[in-house]
ModelCIF file with pLDDT and N, C-alpha, C, O atoms, coordinates in Angstrom:
data_MODEL
#
_entry.id   MODEL 
#
_entity.id                         1 
_entity.type                       polymer 
_entity.pdbx_number_of_molecules   1 
#
_entity_poly.entity_id                      1 
_entity_poly.type                           'polypeptide(L)' 
_entity_poly.nstd_linkage                   no 
_entity_poly.nstd_monomer                   no 
_entity_poly.pdbx_seq_one_letter_code       
;(UNK)(UNK)(UNK)(UNK)(UNK)(UNK)(UNK)(UNK)(UNK)(UNK)(UNK)(UNK)(UNK)(UNK)(UNK)(UNK)
(UNK)(UNK)(UNK)(UNK)(UNK)(UNK)(UNK)(UNK)(UNK)(UNK)(UNK)(UNK)(UNK)(UNK)(UNK)(UNK)
(UNK)(UNK)
;
_entity_poly.pdbx_seq_one_letter_code_can   XXXXXXXXXXXXXXXXXXXXXXXXXXXXXXXXXX 
_entity_poly.pdbx_strand_id                 A 
#
loop_
_entity_poly_seq.entity_id 
_entity_poly_seq.num 
_entity_poly_seq.mon_id 
_entity_poly_seq.hetero 
1 1  UNK n 
1 2  UNK n 
1 3  UNK n 
1 4  UNK n 
1 5  UNK n 
1 6  UNK n 
1 7  UNK n 
1 8  UNK n 
1 9  UNK n 
1 10 UNK n 
1 11 UNK n 
1 12 UNK n 
1 13 UNK n 
1 14 UNK n 
1 15 UNK n 
1 16 UNK n 
1 17 UNK n 
1 18 UNK n 
1 19 UNK n 
1 20 UNK n 
1 21 UNK n 
1 22 UNK n 
1 23 UNK n 
1 24 UNK n 
1 25 UNK n 
1 26 UNK n 
1 27 UNK n 
1 28 UNK n 
1 29 UNK n 
1 30 UNK n 
1 31 UNK n 
1 32 UNK n 
1 33 UNK n 
1 34 UNK n 
#
_struct_asym.id          A 
_struct_asym.entity_id   1 
#
loop_
_ma_qa_metric.id 
_ma_qa_metric.mode 
_ma_qa_metric.name 
_ma_qa_metric.software_group_id 
_ma_qa_metric.type 
1 global pLDDT . pLDDT 
2 local  pLDDT . pLDDT 
#
_ma_qa_metric_global.metric_id      1 
_ma_qa_metric_global.metric_value   94.38 
_ma_qa_metric_global.model_id       1 
_ma_qa_metric_global.ordinal_id     1 
#
loop_
_ma_qa_metric_local.label_asym_id 
_ma_qa_metric_local.label_comp_id 
_ma_qa_metric_local.label_seq_id 
_ma_qa_metric_local.metric_id 
_ma_qa_metric_local.metric_value 
_ma_qa_metric_local.model_id 
_ma_qa_metric_local.ordinal_id 
A UNK 1  2 97.00 1 1  
A UNK 2  2 98.00 1 2  
A UNK 3  2 98.00 1 3  
A UNK 4  2 98.00 1 4  
A UNK 5  2 98.00 1 5  
A UNK 6  2 98.00 1 6  
A UNK 7  2 98.00 1 7  
A UNK 8  2 97.00 1 8  
A UNK 9  2 96.00 1 9  
A UNK 10 2 95.00 1 10 
A UNK 11 2 94.00 1 11 
A UNK 12 2 94.00 1 12 
A UNK 13 2 94.00 1 13 
A UNK 14 2 95.00 1 14 
A UNK 15 2 97.00 1 15 
A UNK 16 2 97.00 1 16 
A UNK 17 2 97.00 1 17 
A UNK 18 2 96.00 1 18 
A UNK 19 2 93.00 1 19 
A UNK 20 2 87.00 1 20 
A UNK 21 2 83.00 1 21 
A UNK 22 2 87.00 1 22 
A UNK 23 2 86.00 1 23 
A UNK 24 2 90.00 1 24 
A UNK 25 2 93.00 1 25 
A UNK 26 2 93.00 1 26 
A UNK 27 2 93.00 1 27 
A UNK 28 2 93.00 1 28 
A UNK 29 2 95.00 1 29 
A UNK 30 2 94.00 1 30 
A UNK 31 2 95.00 1 31 
A UNK 32 2 96.00 1 32 
A UNK 33 2 97.00 1 33 
A UNK 34 2 97.00 1 34 
#
loop_
_atom_site.group_PDB 
_atom_site.id 
_atom_site.type_symbol 
_atom_site.label_atom_id 
_atom_site.label_alt_id 
_atom_site.label_comp_id 
_atom_site.label_asym_id 
_atom_site.label_entity_id 
_atom_site.label_seq_id 
_atom_site.pdbx_PDB_ins_code 
_atom_site.Cartn_x 
_atom_site.Cartn_y 
_atom_site.Cartn_z 
_atom_site.occupancy 
_atom_site.B_iso_or_equiv 
_atom_site.pdbx_formal_charge 
_atom_site.auth_seq_id 
_atom_site.auth_comp_id 
_atom_site.auth_asym_id 
_atom_site.auth_atom_id 
_atom_site.pdbx_PDB_model_num 
ATOM 1   N N  . UNK A 1 1  ? 118.067 123.232 116.763 1.00 97.00 ? 1  UNK A N  1 
ATOM 2   C CA . UNK A 1 1  ? 117.250 121.801 116.607 1.00 97.00 ? 1  UNK A CA 1 
ATOM 3   C C  . UNK A 1 1  ? 118.392 121.074 116.554 1.00 97.00 ? 1  UNK A C  1 
ATOM 4   O O  . UNK A 1 1  ? 118.461 120.090 117.290 1.00 97.00 ? 1  UNK A O  1 
ATOM 5   N N  . UNK A 1 2  ? 119.543 121.408 115.663 1.00 98.00 ? 2  UNK A N  1 
ATOM 6   C CA . UNK A 1 2  ? 120.396 120.559 115.286 1.00 98.00 ? 2  UNK A CA 1 
ATOM 7   C C  . UNK A 1 2  ? 121.599 120.296 116.199 1.00 98.00 ? 2  UNK A C  1 
ATOM 8   O O  . UNK A 1 2  ? 122.298 119.292 116.331 1.00 98.00 ? 2  UNK A O  1 
ATOM 9   N N  . UNK A 1 3  ? 121.633 121.587 116.832 1.00 98.00 ? 3  UNK A N  1 
ATOM 10  C CA . UNK A 1 3  ? 122.569 121.130 118.224 1.00 98.00 ? 3  UNK A CA 1 
ATOM 11  C C  . UNK A 1 3  ? 121.878 120.271 119.053 1.00 98.00 ? 3  UNK A C  1 
ATOM 12  O O  . UNK A 1 3  ? 122.649 119.698 119.823 1.00 98.00 ? 3  UNK A O  1 
ATOM 13  N N  . UNK A 1 4  ? 120.615 119.932 119.205 1.00 98.00 ? 4  UNK A N  1 
ATOM 14  C CA . UNK A 1 4  ? 120.255 119.171 120.054 1.00 98.00 ? 4  UNK A CA 1 
ATOM 15  C C  . UNK A 1 4  ? 120.162 118.014 119.827 1.00 98.00 ? 4  UNK A C  1 
ATOM 16  O O  . UNK A 1 4  ? 120.292 117.184 120.726 1.00 98.00 ? 4  UNK A O  1 
ATOM 17  N N  . UNK A 1 5  ? 119.864 117.615 118.304 1.00 98.00 ? 5  UNK A N  1 
ATOM 18  C CA . UNK A 1 5  ? 120.019 116.078 117.721 1.00 98.00 ? 5  UNK A CA 1 
ATOM 19  C C  . UNK A 1 5  ? 121.862 115.860 118.010 1.00 98.00 ? 5  UNK A C  1 
ATOM 20  O O  . UNK A 1 5  ? 122.299 114.788 118.431 1.00 98.00 ? 5  UNK A O  1 
ATOM 21  N N  . UNK A 1 6  ? 122.598 116.828 117.762 1.00 98.00 ? 6  UNK A N  1 
ATOM 22  C CA . UNK A 1 6  ? 123.996 116.408 117.809 1.00 98.00 ? 6  UNK A CA 1 
ATOM 23  C C  . UNK A 1 6  ? 124.371 115.722 119.571 1.00 98.00 ? 6  UNK A C  1 
ATOM 24  O O  . UNK A 1 6  ? 124.836 114.683 120.038 1.00 98.00 ? 6  UNK A O  1 
ATOM 25  N N  . UNK A 1 7  ? 123.882 116.922 120.046 1.00 98.00 ? 7  UNK A N  1 
ATOM 26  C CA . UNK A 1 7  ? 124.027 116.056 121.745 1.00 98.00 ? 7  UNK A CA 1 
ATOM 27  C C  . UNK A 1 7  ? 123.596 115.081 122.049 1.00 98.00 ? 7  UNK A C  1 
ATOM 28  O O  . UNK A 1 7  ? 124.184 114.235 122.724 1.00 98.00 ? 7  UNK A O  1 
ATOM 29  N N  . UNK A 1 8  ? 122.233 114.986 121.514 1.00 97.00 ? 8  UNK A N  1 
ATOM 30  C CA . UNK A 1 8  ? 121.728 113.444 121.971 1.00 97.00 ? 8  UNK A CA 1 
ATOM 31  C C  . UNK A 1 8  ? 122.652 112.279 121.349 1.00 97.00 ? 8  UNK A C  1 
ATOM 32  O O  . UNK A 1 8  ? 123.114 111.332 121.986 1.00 97.00 ? 8  UNK A O  1 
ATOM 33  N N  . UNK A 1 9  ? 122.833 112.542 119.952 1.00 96.00 ? 9  UNK A N  1 
ATOM 34  C CA . UNK A 1 9  ? 124.042 111.230 119.383 1.00 96.00 ? 9  UNK A CA 1 
ATOM 35  C C  . UNK A 1 9  ? 125.019 111.335 120.084 1.00 96.00 ? 9  UNK A C  1 
ATOM 36  O O  . UNK A 1 9  ? 125.355 110.192 120.395 1.00 96.00 ? 9  UNK A O  1 
ATOM 37  N N  . UNK A 1 10 ? 125.659 112.038 120.505 1.00 95.00 ? 10 UNK A N  1 
ATOM 38  C CA . UNK A 1 10 ? 126.607 111.983 121.416 1.00 95.00 ? 10 UNK A CA 1 
ATOM 39  C C  . UNK A 1 10 ? 126.735 111.235 122.896 1.00 95.00 ? 10 UNK A C  1 
ATOM 40  O O  . UNK A 1 10 ? 127.739 110.892 123.521 1.00 95.00 ? 10 UNK A O  1 
ATOM 41  N N  . UNK A 1 11 ? 125.196 111.109 123.235 1.00 94.00 ? 11 UNK A N  1 
ATOM 42  C CA . UNK A 1 11 ? 125.112 110.722 124.499 1.00 94.00 ? 11 UNK A CA 1 
ATOM 43  C C  . UNK A 1 11 ? 124.667 109.193 124.095 1.00 94.00 ? 11 UNK A C  1 
ATOM 44  O O  . UNK A 1 11 ? 124.264 108.476 125.011 1.00 94.00 ? 11 UNK A O  1 
ATOM 45  N N  . UNK A 1 12 ? 124.725 108.656 122.741 1.00 94.00 ? 12 UNK A N  1 
ATOM 46  C CA . UNK A 1 12 ? 124.222 107.424 122.634 1.00 94.00 ? 12 UNK A CA 1 
ATOM 47  C C  . UNK A 1 12 ? 122.862 107.340 121.999 1.00 94.00 ? 12 UNK A C  1 
ATOM 48  O O  . UNK A 1 12 ? 122.650 106.250 121.468 1.00 94.00 ? 12 UNK A O  1 
ATOM 49  N N  . UNK A 1 13 ? 121.923 108.185 121.925 1.00 94.00 ? 13 UNK A N  1 
ATOM 50  C CA . UNK A 1 13 ? 120.763 108.294 121.630 1.00 94.00 ? 13 UNK A CA 1 
ATOM 51  C C  . UNK A 1 13 ? 120.304 108.384 120.144 1.00 94.00 ? 13 UNK A C  1 
ATOM 52  O O  . UNK A 1 13 ? 121.139 108.748 119.315 1.00 94.00 ? 13 UNK A O  1 
ATOM 53  N N  . UNK A 1 14 ? 119.359 108.156 119.848 1.00 95.00 ? 14 UNK A N  1 
ATOM 54  C CA . UNK A 1 14 ? 118.751 107.907 118.352 1.00 95.00 ? 14 UNK A CA 1 
ATOM 55  C C  . UNK A 1 14 ? 118.035 108.938 117.960 1.00 95.00 ? 14 UNK A C  1 
ATOM 56  O O  . UNK A 1 14 ? 117.033 108.999 118.672 1.00 95.00 ? 14 UNK A O  1 
ATOM 57  N N  . UNK A 1 15 ? 118.059 109.823 117.136 1.00 97.00 ? 15 UNK A N  1 
ATOM 58  C CA . UNK A 1 15 ? 116.781 110.926 117.232 1.00 97.00 ? 15 UNK A CA 1 
ATOM 59  C C  . UNK A 1 15 ? 116.650 111.144 115.474 1.00 97.00 ? 15 UNK A C  1 
ATOM 60  O O  . UNK A 1 15 ? 117.525 110.872 114.652 1.00 97.00 ? 15 UNK A O  1 
ATOM 61  N N  . UNK A 1 16 ? 115.331 111.695 115.213 1.00 97.00 ? 16 UNK A N  1 
ATOM 62  C CA . UNK A 1 16 ? 115.232 112.226 113.843 1.00 97.00 ? 16 UNK A CA 1 
ATOM 63  C C  . UNK A 1 16 ? 114.723 113.607 113.879 1.00 97.00 ? 16 UNK A C  1 
ATOM 64  O O  . UNK A 1 16 ? 113.859 113.887 114.710 1.00 97.00 ? 16 UNK A O  1 
ATOM 65  N N  . UNK A 1 17 ? 115.241 114.651 112.928 1.00 97.00 ? 17 UNK A N  1 
ATOM 66  C CA . UNK A 1 17 ? 115.329 115.884 112.748 1.00 97.00 ? 17 UNK A CA 1 
ATOM 67  C C  . UNK A 1 17 ? 114.159 115.986 111.569 1.00 97.00 ? 17 UNK A C  1 
ATOM 68  O O  . UNK A 1 17 ? 114.178 115.410 110.481 1.00 97.00 ? 17 UNK A O  1 
ATOM 69  N N  . UNK A 1 18 ? 113.194 116.830 112.060 1.00 96.00 ? 18 UNK A N  1 
ATOM 70  C CA . UNK A 1 18 ? 111.920 116.968 111.004 1.00 96.00 ? 18 UNK A CA 1 
ATOM 71  C C  . UNK A 1 18 ? 112.118 118.607 110.893 1.00 96.00 ? 18 UNK A C  1 
ATOM 72  O O  . UNK A 1 18 ? 112.220 119.362 111.859 1.00 96.00 ? 18 UNK A O  1 
ATOM 73  N N  . UNK A 1 19 ? 112.152 119.020 109.376 1.00 93.00 ? 19 UNK A N  1 
ATOM 74  C CA . UNK A 1 19 ? 112.306 120.418 109.581 1.00 93.00 ? 19 UNK A CA 1 
ATOM 75  C C  . UNK A 1 19 ? 112.296 120.849 107.932 1.00 93.00 ? 19 UNK A C  1 
ATOM 76  O O  . UNK A 1 19 ? 112.240 120.003 107.039 1.00 93.00 ? 19 UNK A O  1 
ATOM 77  N N  . UNK A 1 20 ? 112.349 122.069 107.731 1.00 87.00 ? 20 UNK A N  1 
ATOM 78  C CA . UNK A 1 20 ? 112.292 122.477 106.364 1.00 87.00 ? 20 UNK A CA 1 
ATOM 79  C C  . UNK A 1 20 ? 112.571 124.119 106.685 1.00 87.00 ? 20 UNK A C  1 
ATOM 80  O O  . UNK A 1 20 ? 112.070 124.788 107.589 1.00 87.00 ? 20 UNK A O  1 
ATOM 81  N N  . UNK A 1 21 ? 113.563 124.559 105.617 1.00 83.00 ? 21 UNK A N  1 
ATOM 82  C CA . UNK A 1 21 ? 113.905 126.028 105.994 1.00 83.00 ? 21 UNK A CA 1 
ATOM 83  C C  . UNK A 1 21 ? 113.130 126.872 105.311 1.00 83.00 ? 21 UNK A C  1 
ATOM 84  O O  . UNK A 1 21 ? 112.978 126.817 104.091 1.00 83.00 ? 21 UNK A O  1 
ATOM 85  N N  . UNK A 1 22 ? 112.590 127.710 106.080 1.00 87.00 ? 22 UNK A N  1 
ATOM 86  C CA . UNK A 1 22 ? 111.759 128.580 105.637 1.00 87.00 ? 22 UNK A CA 1 
ATOM 87  C C  . UNK A 1 22 ? 112.139 130.023 105.607 1.00 87.00 ? 22 UNK A C  1 
ATOM 88  O O  . UNK A 1 22 ? 112.907 130.391 106.496 1.00 87.00 ? 22 UNK A O  1 
ATOM 89  N N  . UNK A 1 23 ? 111.655 131.060 104.575 1.00 86.00 ? 23 UNK A N  1 
ATOM 90  C CA . UNK A 1 23 ? 112.154 132.433 104.767 1.00 86.00 ? 23 UNK A CA 1 
ATOM 91  C C  . UNK A 1 23 ? 111.917 132.891 106.263 1.00 86.00 ? 23 UNK A C  1 
ATOM 92  O O  . UNK A 1 23 ? 111.147 132.360 107.063 1.00 86.00 ? 23 UNK A O  1 
ATOM 93  N N  . UNK A 1 24 ? 112.766 134.025 106.485 1.00 90.00 ? 24 UNK A N  1 
ATOM 94  C CA . UNK A 1 24 ? 112.800 134.570 107.812 1.00 90.00 ? 24 UNK A CA 1 
ATOM 95  C C  . UNK A 1 24 ? 113.478 133.347 109.362 1.00 90.00 ? 24 UNK A C  1 
ATOM 96  O O  . UNK A 1 24 ? 113.431 133.488 110.584 1.00 90.00 ? 24 UNK A O  1 
ATOM 97  N N  . UNK A 1 25 ? 113.918 132.478 108.655 1.00 93.00 ? 25 UNK A N  1 
ATOM 98  C CA . UNK A 1 25 ? 114.290 131.347 109.823 1.00 93.00 ? 25 UNK A CA 1 
ATOM 99  C C  . UNK A 1 25 ? 115.529 132.272 110.480 1.00 93.00 ? 25 UNK A C  1 
ATOM 100 O O  . UNK A 1 25 ? 116.434 132.806 109.839 1.00 93.00 ? 25 UNK A O  1 
ATOM 101 N N  . UNK A 1 26 ? 115.364 132.307 111.635 1.00 93.00 ? 26 UNK A N  1 
ATOM 102 C CA . UNK A 1 26 ? 116.654 133.303 112.429 1.00 93.00 ? 26 UNK A CA 1 
ATOM 103 C C  . UNK A 1 26 ? 117.687 132.810 112.477 1.00 93.00 ? 26 UNK A C  1 
ATOM 104 O O  . UNK A 1 26 ? 118.597 133.622 112.648 1.00 93.00 ? 26 UNK A O  1 
ATOM 105 N N  . UNK A 1 27 ? 118.096 131.380 112.369 1.00 93.00 ? 27 UNK A N  1 
ATOM 106 C CA . UNK A 1 27 ? 119.474 130.583 113.013 1.00 93.00 ? 27 UNK A CA 1 
ATOM 107 C C  . UNK A 1 27 ? 120.636 131.597 111.316 1.00 93.00 ? 27 UNK A C  1 
ATOM 108 O O  . UNK A 1 27 ? 121.677 132.248 111.406 1.00 93.00 ? 27 UNK A O  1 
ATOM 109 N N  . UNK A 1 28 ? 119.983 131.337 110.339 1.00 93.00 ? 28 UNK A N  1 
ATOM 110 C CA . UNK A 1 28 ? 120.775 131.909 109.304 1.00 93.00 ? 28 UNK A CA 1 
ATOM 111 C C  . UNK A 1 28 ? 121.021 133.554 109.142 1.00 93.00 ? 28 UNK A C  1 
ATOM 112 O O  . UNK A 1 28 ? 122.041 134.069 108.683 1.00 93.00 ? 28 UNK A O  1 
ATOM 113 N N  . UNK A 1 29 ? 119.743 134.304 109.668 1.00 95.00 ? 29 UNK A N  1 
ATOM 114 C CA . UNK A 1 29 ? 119.682 135.499 109.566 1.00 95.00 ? 29 UNK A CA 1 
ATOM 115 C C  . UNK A 1 29 ? 120.368 136.491 110.731 1.00 95.00 ? 29 UNK A C  1 
ATOM 116 O O  . UNK A 1 29 ? 120.575 137.692 110.560 1.00 95.00 ? 29 UNK A O  1 
ATOM 117 N N  . UNK A 1 30 ? 120.626 135.868 111.740 1.00 94.00 ? 30 UNK A N  1 
ATOM 118 C CA . UNK A 1 30 ? 121.258 136.463 112.750 1.00 94.00 ? 30 UNK A CA 1 
ATOM 119 C C  . UNK A 1 30 ? 122.592 136.985 112.343 1.00 94.00 ? 30 UNK A C  1 
ATOM 120 O O  . UNK A 1 30 ? 122.959 136.849 111.176 1.00 94.00 ? 30 UNK A O  1 
ATOM 121 N N  . UNK A 1 31 ? 123.488 137.690 113.405 1.00 95.00 ? 31 UNK A N  1 
ATOM 122 C CA . UNK A 1 31 ? 125.218 138.236 113.101 1.00 95.00 ? 31 UNK A CA 1 
ATOM 123 C C  . UNK A 1 31 ? 125.759 137.679 113.806 1.00 95.00 ? 31 UNK A C  1 
ATOM 124 O O  . UNK A 1 31 ? 126.886 138.110 114.052 1.00 95.00 ? 31 UNK A O  1 
ATOM 125 N N  . UNK A 1 32 ? 125.300 136.416 114.543 1.00 96.00 ? 32 UNK A N  1 
ATOM 126 C CA . UNK A 1 32 ? 126.175 135.348 115.357 1.00 96.00 ? 32 UNK A CA 1 
ATOM 127 C C  . UNK A 1 32 ? 126.675 135.878 116.640 1.00 96.00 ? 32 UNK A C  1 
ATOM 128 O O  . UNK A 1 32 ? 127.686 135.345 117.099 1.00 96.00 ? 32 UNK A O  1 
ATOM 129 N N  . UNK A 1 33 ? 125.980 137.093 117.454 1.00 97.00 ? 33 UNK A N  1 
ATOM 130 C CA . UNK A 1 33 ? 126.971 137.677 118.437 1.00 97.00 ? 33 UNK A CA 1 
ATOM 131 C C  . UNK A 1 33 ? 126.716 136.859 119.619 1.00 97.00 ? 33 UNK A C  1 
ATOM 132 O O  . UNK A 1 33 ? 125.595 136.439 119.904 1.00 97.00 ? 33 UNK A O  1 
ATOM 133 N N  . UNK A 1 34 ? 128.017 136.586 120.463 1.00 97.00 ? 34 UNK A N  1 
ATOM 134 C CA . UNK A 1 34 ? 127.928 135.799 121.544 1.00 97.00 ? 34 UNK A CA 1 
ATOM 135 C C  . UNK A 1 34 ? 128.160 136.927 122.734 1.00 97.00 ? 34 UNK A C  1 
ATOM 136 O O  . UNK A 1 34 ? 128.149 136.587 123.917 1.00 97.00 ? 34 UNK A O  1 
#
């Protein structure tokens, strides 16, 4: 979601991110493998 917001902003758009971190959210829990 944050990556989308930044990409929209970089193309000149405006956006609003709606969310709240909850237990188990995958972004912070992964190992970051590429």
